[in-house]
Amino acid sequence: MAGRIRTMRALMANTKSAEKRAREALARRARNVAQRSKVRSAVRKVVEAIRAGNKAEAAAALKAASPVIDAMARKGIIHRNKAARHKSRLAAQVKALS
């Protein structure tokens, strides 16, 4: 898919600088997709531990996920309010486990 996007963007660019910006945008997009995936994986691990009812594992997963979520919010990959919402809801669910 990335090859197809690169080809389409190269065709749209009329100048050398526009071609370069298209390449840069493609590289940024790939990086952002990977970073967002990292956040989703971290959150998924916490959710799976909560569903399994394992409080110790859920707490450990939350402790590992929090810095990942914070880092992505700092980099602007996700909004800071979304990061706070994720952390707050996950912490409440872990706390509610008995």
Foldseek 3Di string as FASTA:
>chain_A
DLVVQLVVQCVVDDDPVSNVVSVVVSVVVVVLVVLVVVLVVLLVQLVVCLVVLPLVSNVVSLVVNLVSLVVCCVVVSDPPVVSVVSSVVSVVSSVPRD
